[in-house]
């Protein structure tokens, strides 16, 4: 059974033609952390989701799966 997809960070990065490395630099985070968010191994905090949404120019709701 595969892990449940909780966030859409990876999908939105692809839609915007951006990389996880770009996001890591903008947030001042390690690339491994971003990778774990993108694979849904771990989840960013809600304030971090809001920061990511602002950087990607999307609503925070677009980053979270229902």
PDB file of N, CA and C in Angstrom:
ATOM      1  N   UNK A   1       0.836  -1.175   0.000  1.00  0.00           N
ATOM      2  CA  UNK A   1       0.000   0.000   0.000  1.00  0.00           C
ATOM      3  C   UNK A   1       0.888   1.247   0.000  1.00  0.00           C
ATOM      4  N   UNK A   2       0.613   2.170  -0.890  1.00  0.00           N
ATOM      5  CA  UNK A   2       1.434   3.376  -0.985  1.00  0.00           C
ATOM      6  C   UNK A   2       0.989   4.396   0.062  1.00  0.00           C
ATOM      7  N   UNK A   3       1.907   5.274   0.480  1.00  0.00           N
ATOM      8  CA  UNK A   3       1.531   6.294   1.457  1.00  0.00           C
ATOM      9  C   UNK A   3       0.505   7.259   0.864  1.00  0.00           C
ATOM     10  N   UNK A   4      -0.342   7.776   1.718  1.00  0.00           N
ATOM     11  CA  UNK A   4      -1.389   8.692   1.265  1.00  0.00           C
ATOM     12  C   UNK A   4      -0.770  10.031   0.863  1.00  0.00           C
ATOM     13  N   UNK A   5      -1.234  10.563  -0.244  1.00  0.00           N
ATOM     14  CA  UNK A   5      -0.771  11.864  -0.703  1.00  0.00           C
ATOM     15  C   UNK A   5      -1.536  12.938   0.059  1.00  0.00           C
ATOM     16  N   UNK A   6      -0.813  13.746   0.791  1.00  0.00           N
ATOM     17  CA  UNK A   6      -1.429  14.787   1.602  1.00  0.00           C
ATOM     18  C   UNK A   6      -1.222  16.163   0.979  1.00  0.00           C
ATOM     19  N   UNK A   7      -0.033  16.388   0.431  1.00  0.00           N
ATOM     20  CA  UNK A   7       0.211  17.696  -0.187  1.00  0.00           C
ATOM     21  C   UNK A   7       0.501  17.542  -1.676  1.00  0.00           C
ATOM     22  N   UNK A   8       0.381  18.651  -2.382  1.00  0.00           N
ATOM     23  CA  UNK A   8       0.580  18.688  -3.837  1.00  0.00           C
ATOM     24  C   UNK A   8       1.784  19.557  -4.207  1.00  0.00           C
ATOM     25  N   UNK A   9       2.726  19.699  -3.321  1.00  0.00           N
ATOM     26  CA  UNK A   9       3.865  20.586  -3.566  1.00  0.00           C
ATOM     27  C   UNK A   9       4.602  20.187  -4.844  1.00  0.00           C
ATOM     28  N   UNK A  10       4.888  18.900  -4.992  1.00  0.00           N
ATOM     29  CA  UNK A  10       5.625  18.431  -6.167  1.00  0.00           C
ATOM     30  C   UNK A  10       4.861  18.744  -7.459  1.00  0.00           C
ATOM     31  N   UNK A  11       3.551  18.494  -7.454  1.00  0.00           N
ATOM     32  CA  UNK A  11       2.720  18.739  -8.639  1.00  0.00           C
ATOM     33  C   UNK A  11       2.734  20.216  -9.018  1.00  0.00           C
ATOM     34  N   UNK A  12       2.580  21.088  -8.027  1.00  0.00           N
ATOM     35  CA  UNK A  12       2.550  22.525  -8.307  1.00  0.00           C
ATOM     36  C   UNK A  12       3.917  23.012  -8.791  1.00  0.00           C
ATOM     37  N   UNK A  13       4.994  22.483  -8.226  1.00  0.00           N
ATOM     38  CA  UNK A  13       6.332  22.846  -8.717  1.00  0.00           C
ATOM     39  C   UNK A  13       6.478  22.486 -10.195  1.00  0.00           C
ATOM     40  N   UNK A  14       6.011  21.307 -10.568  1.00  0.00           N
ATOM     41  CA  UNK A  14       6.095  20.880 -11.968  1.00  0.00           C
ATOM     42  C   UNK A  14       5.236  21.787 -12.848  1.00  0.00           C
ATOM     43  N   UNK A  15       4.021  22.090 -12.397  1.00  0.00           N
ATOM     44  CA  UNK A  15       3.135  22.972 -13.166  1.00  0.00           C
ATOM     45  C   UNK A  15       3.758  24.345 -13.394  1.00  0.00           C
ATOM     46  N   UNK A  16       4.538  24.814 -12.418  1.00  0.00           N
ATOM     47  CA  UNK A  16       5.175  26.136 -12.506  1.00  0.00           C
ATOM     48  C   UNK A  16       6.572  26.064 -13.123  1.00  0.00           C
ATOM     49  N   UNK A  17       6.997  24.874 -13.539  1.00  0.00           N
ATOM     50  CA  UNK A  17       8.344  24.659 -14.110  1.00  0.00           C
ATOM     51  C   UNK A  17       9.442  25.098 -13.155  1.00  0.00           C
ATOM     52  N   UNK A  18       9.267  24.749 -11.873  1.00  0.00           N
ATOM     53  CA  UNK A  18      10.251  25.080 -10.850  1.00  0.00           C
ATOM     54  C   UNK A  18      10.784  23.791 -10.241  1.00  0.00           C
ATOM     55  N   UNK A  19      11.938  23.905  -9.582  1.00  0.00           N
ATOM     56  CA  UNK A  19      12.568  22.720  -8.989  1.00  0.00           C
ATOM     57  C   UNK A  19      12.494  22.761  -7.470  1.00  0.00           C
ATOM     58  N   UNK A  20      12.699  21.611  -6.890  1.00  0.00           N
ATOM     59  CA  UNK A  20      12.744  21.544  -5.435  1.00  0.00           C
ATOM     60  C   UNK A  20      13.984  22.291  -4.916  1.00  0.00           C
ATOM     61  N   UNK A  21      15.037  22.315  -5.730  1.00  0.00           N
ATOM     62  CA  UNK A  21      16.240  23.069  -5.350  1.00  0.00           C
ATOM     63  C   UNK A  21      15.911  24.559  -5.251  1.00  0.00           C
ATOM     64  N   UNK A  22      15.153  25.076  -6.205  1.00  0.00           N
ATOM     65  CA  UNK A  22      14.722  26.485  -6.180  1.00  0.00           C
ATOM     66  C   UNK A  22      13.936  26.768  -4.906  1.00  0.00           C
ATOM     67  N   UNK A  23      12.993  25.879  -4.580  1.00  0.00           N
ATOM     68  CA  UNK A  23      12.170  26.066  -3.387  1.00  0.00           C
ATOM     69  C   UNK A  23      13.023  26.015  -2.124  1.00  0.00           C
ATOM     70  N   UNK A  24      13.974  25.099  -2.078  1.00  0.00           N
ATOM     71  CA  UNK A  24      14.872  24.990  -0.924  1.00  0.00           C
ATOM     72  C   UNK A  24      15.653  26.282  -0.716  1.00  0.00           C
ATOM     73  N   UNK A  25      16.157  26.856  -1.804  1.00  0.00           N
ATOM     74  CA  UNK A  25      16.910  28.113  -1.709  1.00  0.00           C
ATOM     75  C   UNK A  25      16.023  29.246  -1.217  1.00  0.00           C
ATOM     76  N   UNK A  26      14.807  29.335  -1.739  1.00  0.00           N
ATOM     77  CA  UNK A  26      13.886  30.412  -1.348  1.00  0.00           C
ATOM     78  C   UNK A  26      13.473  30.312   0.116  1.00  0.00           C
ATOM     79  N   UNK A  27      13.329  29.079   0.616  1.00  0.00           N
ATOM     80  CA  UNK A  27      12.896  28.881   2.001  1.00  0.00           C
ATOM     81  C   UNK A  27      14.059  28.768   2.984  1.00  0.00           C
ATOM     82  N   UNK A  28      15.284  28.662   2.456  1.00  0.00           N
ATOM     83  CA  UNK A  28      16.445  28.482   3.331  1.00  0.00           C
ATOM     84  C   UNK A  28      16.446  27.112   3.994  1.00  0.00           C
ATOM     85  N   UNK A  29      15.945  26.119   3.252  1.00  0.00           N
ATOM     86  CA  UNK A  29      15.860  24.752   3.773  1.00  0.00           C
ATOM     87  C   UNK A  29      16.793  23.845   2.991  1.00  0.00           C
ATOM     88  N   UNK A  30      17.069  22.693   3.554  1.00  0.00           N
ATOM     89  CA  UNK A  30      17.870  21.672   2.905  1.00  0.00           C
ATOM     90  C   UNK A  30      17.057  21.031   1.783  1.00  0.00           C
ATOM     91  N   UNK A  31      17.712  20.684   0.685  1.00  0.00           N
ATOM     92  CA  UNK A  31      17.010  20.034  -0.431  1.00  0.00           C
ATOM     93  C   UNK A  31      16.373  18.709  -0.012  1.00  0.00           C
ATOM     94  N   UNK A  32      16.992  18.018   0.928  1.00  0.00           N
ATOM     95  CA  UNK A  32      16.443  16.744   1.401  1.00  0.00           C
ATOM     96  C   UNK A  32      15.096  16.961   2.098  1.00  0.00           C
ATOM     97  N   UNK A  33      14.969  18.062   2.807  1.00  0.00           N
ATOM     98  CA  UNK A  33      13.699  18.387   3.462  1.00  0.00           C
ATOM     99  C   UNK A  33      12.609  18.593   2.430  1.00  0.00           C
ATOM    100  N   UNK A  34      12.906  19.357   1.390  1.00  0.00           N
ATOM    101  CA  UNK A  34      11.928  19.609   0.329  1.00  0.00           C
ATOM    102  C   UNK A  34      11.558  18.300  -0.351  1.00  0.00           C
ATOM    103  N   UNK A  35      12.535  17.454  -0.586  1.00  0.00           N
ATOM    104  CA  UNK A  35      12.292  16.161  -1.213  1.00  0.00           C
ATOM    105  C   UNK A  35      11.328  15.323  -0.381  1.00  0.00           C
ATOM    106  N   UNK A  36      11.510  15.331   0.925  1.00  0.00           N
ATOM    107  CA  UNK A  36      10.622  14.556   1.804  1.00  0.00           C
ATOM    108  C   UNK A  36       9.212  15.125   1.799  1.00  0.00           C
ATOM    109  N   UNK A  37       9.091  16.447   1.651  1.00  0.00           N
ATOM    110  CA  UNK A  37       7.747  17.049   1.525  1.00  0.00           C
ATOM    111  C   UNK A  37       7.119  16.614   0.210  1.00  0.00           C
ATOM    112  N   UNK A  38       7.902  16.659  -0.873  1.00  0.00           N
ATOM    113  CA  UNK A  38       7.385  16.330  -2.207  1.00  0.00           C
ATOM    114  C   UNK A  38       6.958  14.872  -2.325  1.00  0.00           C
ATOM    115  N   UNK A  39       7.595  13.993  -1.581  1.00  0.00           N
ATOM    116  CA  UNK A  39       7.223  12.579  -1.618  1.00  0.00           C
ATOM    117  C   UNK A  39       6.209  12.230  -0.528  1.00  0.00           C
ATOM    118  N   UNK A  40       5.799  13.225   0.237  1.00  0.00           N
ATOM    119  CA  UNK A  40       4.821  13.046   1.313  1.00  0.00           C
ATOM    120  C   UNK A  40       5.310  12.123   2.430  1.00  0.00           C
ATOM    121  N   UNK A  41       6.631  12.027   2.593  1.00  0.00           N
ATOM    122  CA  UNK A  41       7.177  11.280   3.730  1.00  0.00           C
ATOM    123  C   UNK A  41       6.938  12.050   5.021  1.00  0.00           C
ATOM    124  N   UNK A  42       7.079  13.351   4.944  1.00  0.00           N
ATOM    125  CA  UNK A  42       6.791  14.259   6.055  1.00  0.00           C
ATOM    126  C   UNK A  42       6.026  15.450   5.498  1.00  0.00           C
ATOM    127  N   UNK A  43       5.383  16.174   6.382  1.00  0.00           N
ATOM    128  CA  UNK A  43       4.583  17.318   5.953  1.00  0.00           C
ATOM    129  C   UNK A  43       5.151  18.610   6.532  1.00  0.00           C
ATOM    130  N   UNK A  44       5.149  19.670   5.734  1.00  0.00           N
ATOM    131  CA  UNK A  44       5.564  20.969   6.267  1.00  0.00           C
ATOM    132  C   UNK A  44       4.487  21.491   7.216  1.00  0.00           C
ATOM    133  N   UNK A  45       4.876  22.410   8.075  1.00  0.00           N
ATOM    134  CA  UNK A  45       3.909  23.020   8.989  1.00  0.00           C
ATOM    135  C   UNK A  45       2.965  23.914   8.187  1.00  0.00           C
ATOM    136  N   UNK A  46       1.845  24.244   8.774  1.00  0.00           N
ATOM    137  CA  UNK A  46       0.883  25.105   8.094  1.00  0.00           C
ATOM    138  C   UNK A  46       1.487  26.470   7.751  1.00  0.00           C
ATOM    139  N   UNK A  47       2.236  27.117   8.665  1.00  0.00           N
ATOM    140  CA  UNK A  47       2.872  28.383   8.279  1.00  0.00           C
ATOM    141  C   UNK A  47       3.833  28.224   7.095  1.00  0.00           C
ATOM    142  N   UNK A  48       4.497  27.082   7.002  1.00  0.00           N
ATOM    143  CA  UNK A  48       5.397  26.830   5.880  1.00  0.00           C
ATOM    144  C   UNK A  48       4.607  26.639   4.597  1.00  0.00           C
ATOM    145  N   UNK A  49       3.471  25.963   4.685  1.00  0.00           N
ATOM    146  CA  UNK A  49       2.597  25.797   3.504  1.00  0.00           C
ATOM    147  C   UNK A  49       2.193  27.174   2.979  1.00  0.00           C
ATOM    148  N   UNK A  50       1.870  28.084   3.893  1.00  0.00           N
ATOM    149  CA  UNK A  50       1.477  29.445   3.495  1.00  0.00           C
ATOM    150  C   UNK A  50       2.641  30.145   2.795  1.00  0.00           C
ATOM    151  N   UNK A  51       3.862  30.002   3.324  1.00  0.00           N
ATOM    152  CA  UNK A  51       5.045  30.597   2.689  1.00  0.00           C
ATOM    153  C   UNK A  51       5.271  30.021   1.293  1.00  0.00           C
ATOM    154  N   UNK A  52       5.141  28.699   1.181  1.00  0.00           N
ATOM    155  CA  UNK A  52       5.324  28.043  -0.114  1.00  0.00           C
ATOM    156  C   UNK A  52       4.281  28.559  -1.106  1.00  0.00           C
ATOM    157  N   UNK A  53       3.047  28.676  -0.655  1.00  0.00           N
ATOM    158  CA  UNK A  53       1.969  29.159  -1.523  1.00  0.00           C
ATOM    159  C   UNK A  53       2.275  30.568  -2.037  1.00  0.00           C
ATOM    160  N   UNK A  54       2.778  31.431  -1.163  1.00  0.00           N
ATOM    161  CA  UNK A  54       3.125  32.793  -1.585  1.00  0.00           C
ATOM    162  C   UNK A  54       4.241  32.768  -2.631  1.00  0.00           C
ATOM    163  N   UNK A  55       5.252  31.935  -2.407  1.00  0.00           N
ATOM    164  CA  UNK A  55       6.354  31.838  -3.366  1.00  0.00           C
ATOM    165  C   UNK A  55       5.879  31.323  -4.720  1.00  0.00           C
ATOM    166  N   UNK A  56       4.917  30.395  -4.699  1.00  0.00           N
ATOM    167  CA  UNK A  56       4.427  29.794  -5.932  1.00  0.00           C
ATOM    168  C   UNK A  56       3.245  30.552  -6.526  1.00  0.00           C
ATOM    169  N   UNK A  57       2.821  31.597  -5.820  1.00  0.00           N
ATOM    170  CA  UNK A  57       1.702  32.413  -6.278  1.00  0.00           C
ATOM    171  C   UNK A  57       0.423  31.581  -6.475  1.00  0.00           C
ATOM    172  N   UNK A  58       0.129  30.757  -5.467  1.00  0.00           N
ATOM    173  CA  UNK A  58      -1.089  29.948  -5.455  1.00  0.00           C
ATOM    174  C   UNK A  58      -1.729  30.050  -4.077  1.00  0.00           C
ATOM    175  N   UNK A  59      -2.960  29.609  -3.983  1.00  0.00           N
ATOM    176  CA  UNK A  59      -3.648  29.540  -2.695  1.00  0.00           C
ATOM    177  C   UNK A  59      -3.077  28.378  -1.893  1.00  0.00           C
ATOM    178  N   UNK A  60      -2.961  28.525  -0.565  1.00  0.00           N
ATOM    179  CA  UNK A  60      -2.510  27.393   0.243  1.00  0.00           C
ATOM    180  C   UNK A  60      -3.382  26.155   0.036  1.00  0.00           C
ATOM    181  N   UNK A  61      -4.658  26.354  -0.257  1.00  0.00           N
ATOM    182  CA  UNK A  61      -5.552  25.216  -0.494  1.00  0.00           C
ATOM    183  C   UNK A  61      -5.123  24.383  -1.694  1.00  0.00           C
ATOM    184  N   UNK A  62      -4.463  25.021  -2.663  1.00  0.00           N
ATOM    185  CA  UNK A  62      -3.998  24.300  -3.851  1.00  0.00           C
ATOM    186  C   UNK A  62      -2.839  23.360  -3.530  1.00  0.00           C
ATOM    187  N   UNK A  63      -2.212  23.561  -2.370  1.00  0.00           N
ATOM    188  CA  UNK A  63      -1.065  22.729  -1.987  1.00  0.00           C
ATOM    189  C   UNK A  63      -1.474  21.549  -1.131  1.00  0.00           C
ATOM    190  N   UNK A  64      -2.737  21.498  -0.718  1.00  0.00           N
ATOM    191  CA  UNK A  64      -3.199  20.441   0.191  1.00  0.00           C
ATOM    192  C   UNK A  64      -4.279  19.627  -0.508  1.00  0.00           C
ATOM    193  N   UNK A  65      -4.128  18.314  -0.464  1.00  0.00           N
ATOM    194  CA  UNK A  65      -5.142  17.428  -1.044  1.00  0.00           C
ATOM    195  C   UNK A  65      -6.311  17.307  -0.080  1.00  0.00           C
ATOM    196  N   UNK A  66      -7.504  17.194  -0.655  1.00  0.00           N
ATOM    197  CA  UNK A  66      -8.686  17.027   0.196  1.00  0.00           C
ATOM    198  C   UNK A  66      -8.765  15.621   0.719  1.00  0.00           C
TER     199      UNK A  66
END
